Amino acid sequence: MIRIFFFLVGFALMVLGLAFDILYLNILTLGYKFSFYVHFITRRIECYYTIIGFIIILLTIITKGEKKT
């Protein structure tokens, strides 16, 4: 049950981070270059949610559950 909770938390963080990444793509329409966009999103804390969420999902999938006897 705890693994499902962590999976859902990781999924929510990943969706939130990707939403901000997509929202910040509007910087490109203002005439900035892609390198500025990458530099900009690496400095924003809300864009790290994607990486954190991915790591949480990966850990919940990889770790083994408890054996119930």
N, C-alpha and C. Protein backbone atom coordinates (compact mmCIF):
# COMPACT_ATOMS: atom_id res chain seq x y z
N MET A 1 0.82 -1.19 0.00
CA MET A 1 0.00 0.00 0.00
C MET A 1 0.87 1.26 0.00
N ILE A 2 1.98 1.20 0.72
CA ILE A 2 2.88 2.35 0.79
C ILE A 2 3.56 2.58 -0.55
N ARG A 3 3.83 1.50 -1.28
CA ARG A 3 4.45 1.63 -2.59
C ARG A 3 3.52 2.32 -3.57
N ILE A 4 2.24 2.03 -3.48
CA ILE A 4 1.26 2.69 -4.35
C ILE A 4 1.22 4.19 -4.05
N PHE A 5 1.27 4.53 -2.77
CA PHE A 5 1.27 5.94 -2.38
C PHE A 5 2.48 6.66 -2.95
N PHE A 6 3.68 6.07 -2.81
CA PHE A 6 4.88 6.71 -3.32
C PHE A 6 4.87 6.77 -4.85
N PHE A 7 4.31 5.76 -5.49
CA PHE A 7 4.19 5.79 -6.94
C PHE A 7 3.31 6.95 -7.38
N LEU A 8 2.19 7.13 -6.71
CA LEU A 8 1.28 8.22 -7.07
C LEU A 8 1.88 9.59 -6.77
N VAL A 9 2.62 9.70 -5.68
CA VAL A 9 3.30 10.96 -5.37
C VAL A 9 4.35 11.27 -6.44
N GLY A 10 5.12 10.26 -6.82
CA GLY A 10 6.12 10.44 -7.87
C GLY A 10 5.49 10.81 -9.19
N PHE A 11 4.38 10.18 -9.51
CA PHE A 11 3.68 10.49 -10.76
C PHE A 11 3.15 11.92 -10.75
N ALA A 12 2.59 12.35 -9.61
CA ALA A 12 2.07 13.71 -9.51
C ALA A 12 3.19 14.74 -9.63
N LEU A 13 4.33 14.48 -9.00
CA LEU A 13 5.46 15.40 -9.11
C LEU A 13 5.99 15.46 -10.54
N MET A 14 6.01 14.32 -11.19
CA MET A 14 6.50 14.29 -12.56
C MET A 14 5.57 15.06 -13.50
N VAL A 15 4.27 14.90 -13.33
CA VAL A 15 3.31 15.63 -14.16
C VAL A 15 3.41 17.13 -13.90
N LEU A 16 3.55 17.50 -12.64
CA LEU A 16 3.67 18.92 -12.30
C LEU A 16 4.93 19.52 -12.91
N GLY A 17 6.04 18.82 -12.80
CA GLY A 17 7.28 19.32 -13.38
C GLY A 17 7.23 19.43 -14.89
N LEU A 18 6.64 18.44 -15.54
CA LEU A 18 6.52 18.49 -17.00
C LEU A 18 5.59 19.60 -17.44
N ALA A 19 4.56 19.89 -16.66
CA ALA A 19 3.66 20.99 -16.99
C ALA A 19 4.41 22.32 -16.96
N PHE A 20 5.27 22.50 -15.96
CA PHE A 20 6.06 23.73 -15.91
C PHE A 20 7.07 23.77 -17.05
N ASP A 21 7.65 22.65 -17.40
CA ASP A 21 8.59 22.62 -18.52
C ASP A 21 7.90 23.05 -19.81
N ILE A 22 6.70 22.58 -20.02
CA ILE A 22 5.95 22.93 -21.22
C ILE A 22 5.51 24.39 -21.17
N LEU A 23 5.11 24.86 -20.01
CA LEU A 23 4.73 26.27 -19.89
C LEU A 23 5.90 27.19 -20.18
N TYR A 24 7.08 26.81 -19.75
CA TYR A 24 8.25 27.63 -19.98
C TYR A 24 8.74 27.57 -21.42
N LEU A 25 8.16 26.70 -22.24
CA LEU A 25 8.50 26.68 -23.66
C LEU A 25 8.08 27.97 -24.36
N ASN A 26 7.19 28.74 -23.73
CA ASN A 26 6.78 30.02 -24.31
C ASN A 26 7.94 31.00 -24.39
N ILE A 27 9.01 30.75 -23.66
CA ILE A 27 10.20 31.60 -23.76
C ILE A 27 10.75 31.57 -25.18
N LEU A 28 10.63 30.42 -25.83
CA LEU A 28 11.15 30.30 -27.19
C LEU A 28 10.37 31.17 -28.17
N THR A 29 9.09 31.39 -27.91
CA THR A 29 8.28 32.22 -28.81
C THR A 29 8.63 33.70 -28.67
N LEU A 30 9.30 34.07 -27.58
CA LEU A 30 9.70 35.46 -27.39
C LEU A 30 11.00 35.78 -28.11
N GLY A 31 11.62 34.77 -28.71
CA GLY A 31 12.83 35.01 -29.49
C GLY A 31 14.10 34.54 -28.82
N TYR A 32 14.00 33.94 -27.66
CA TYR A 32 15.20 33.43 -27.00
C TYR A 32 15.62 32.12 -27.63
N LYS A 33 16.87 31.78 -27.47
CA LYS A 33 17.41 30.54 -28.04
C LYS A 33 17.14 29.36 -27.12
N PHE A 34 17.28 28.15 -27.67
CA PHE A 34 17.03 26.93 -26.91
C PHE A 34 18.03 26.78 -25.77
N SER A 35 19.25 27.24 -25.98
CA SER A 35 20.25 27.15 -24.91
C SER A 35 19.85 28.01 -23.71
N PHE A 36 19.23 29.16 -23.95
CA PHE A 36 18.73 29.98 -22.85
C PHE A 36 17.59 29.28 -22.13
N TYR A 37 16.73 28.60 -22.89
CA TYR A 37 15.62 27.85 -22.29
C TYR A 37 16.15 26.76 -21.36
N VAL A 38 17.14 26.01 -21.81
CA VAL A 38 17.71 24.95 -20.98
C VAL A 38 18.37 25.54 -19.75
N HIS A 39 19.08 26.63 -19.93
CA HIS A 39 19.71 27.29 -18.78
C HIS A 39 18.66 27.81 -17.81
N PHE A 40 17.56 28.32 -18.33
CA PHE A 40 16.49 28.86 -17.49
C PHE A 40 15.80 27.77 -16.67
N ILE A 41 15.45 26.64 -17.30
CA ILE A 41 14.72 25.60 -16.56
C ILE A 41 15.61 24.85 -15.59
N THR A 42 16.92 24.85 -15.83
CA THR A 42 17.79 24.20 -14.85
C THR A 42 17.95 25.02 -13.59
N ARG A 43 17.59 26.28 -13.64
CA ARG A 43 17.68 27.14 -12.46
C ARG A 43 16.34 27.29 -11.74
N ARG A 44 15.27 26.71 -12.25
CA ARG A 44 13.95 26.81 -11.62
C ARG A 44 13.70 25.56 -10.78
N ILE A 45 13.28 25.77 -9.52
CA ILE A 45 13.08 24.65 -8.60
C ILE A 45 11.89 23.78 -9.02
N GLU A 46 10.87 24.38 -9.62
CA GLU A 46 9.70 23.58 -9.98
C GLU A 46 9.97 22.64 -11.15
N CYS A 47 11.01 22.89 -11.90
CA CYS A 47 11.36 21.98 -12.99
C CYS A 47 12.12 20.75 -12.48
N TYR A 48 12.64 20.82 -11.26
CA TYR A 48 13.29 19.65 -10.67
C TYR A 48 12.27 18.61 -10.23
N TYR A 49 11.00 18.98 -10.15
CA TYR A 49 9.97 18.02 -9.77
C TYR A 49 9.91 16.85 -10.75
N THR A 50 10.21 17.10 -12.00
CA THR A 50 10.21 16.03 -13.00
C THR A 50 11.25 14.97 -12.65
N ILE A 51 12.44 15.41 -12.33
CA ILE A 51 13.53 14.48 -12.01
C ILE A 51 13.24 13.75 -10.70
N ILE A 52 12.78 14.50 -9.69
CA ILE A 52 12.48 13.89 -8.39
C ILE A 52 11.36 12.87 -8.53
N GLY A 53 10.31 13.23 -9.27
CA GLY A 53 9.20 12.30 -9.49
C GLY A 53 9.64 11.05 -10.24
N PHE A 54 10.50 11.21 -11.23
CA PHE A 54 11.00 10.06 -11.98
C PHE A 54 11.81 9.13 -11.08
N ILE A 55 12.63 9.70 -10.21
CA ILE A 55 13.44 8.88 -9.30
C ILE A 55 12.55 8.14 -8.32
N ILE A 56 11.52 8.80 -7.80
CA ILE A 56 10.60 8.13 -6.87
C ILE A 56 9.87 6.98 -7.56
N ILE A 57 9.40 7.20 -8.78
CA ILE A 57 8.72 6.13 -9.53
C ILE A 57 9.69 4.99 -9.79
N LEU A 58 10.89 5.31 -10.19
CA LEU A 58 11.89 4.27 -10.46
C LEU A 58 12.18 3.45 -9.21
N LEU A 59 12.31 4.11 -8.07
CA LEU A 59 12.59 3.39 -6.83
C LEU A 59 11.43 2.50 -6.41
N THR A 60 10.20 2.95 -6.62
CA THR A 60 9.06 2.12 -6.24
C THR A 60 8.91 0.91 -7.15
N ILE A 61 9.36 1.03 -8.38
CA ILE A 61 9.27 -0.11 -9.30
C ILE A 61 10.40 -1.10 -9.04
N ILE A 62 11.59 -0.58 -8.78
CA ILE A 62 12.77 -1.45 -8.64
C ILE A 62 12.80 -2.19 -7.30
N THR A 63 12.45 -1.50 -6.20
CA THR A 63 12.56 -2.13 -4.88
C THR A 63 11.56 -3.26 -4.75
N LYS A 64 11.98 -4.29 -4.02
CA LYS A 64 11.10 -5.42 -3.81
C LYS A 64 10.21 -5.17 -2.61
N GLY A 65 9.03 -5.69 -2.68
CA GLY A 65 8.10 -5.55 -1.56
C GLY A 65 8.37 -6.56 -0.48
N GLU A 66 7.65 -6.42 0.60
CA GLU A 66 7.79 -7.35 1.72
C GLU A 66 7.10 -8.68 1.39
N LYS A 67 7.67 -9.75 1.91
CA LYS A 67 7.02 -11.05 1.76
C LYS A 67 5.99 -11.23 2.84
N LYS A 68 4.81 -11.52 2.44
CA LYS A 68 3.74 -11.75 3.43
C LYS A 68 3.63 -13.25 3.67
N THR A 69 3.69 -13.62 4.92
CA THR A 69 3.60 -15.05 5.25
C THR A 69 2.33 -15.35 6.00
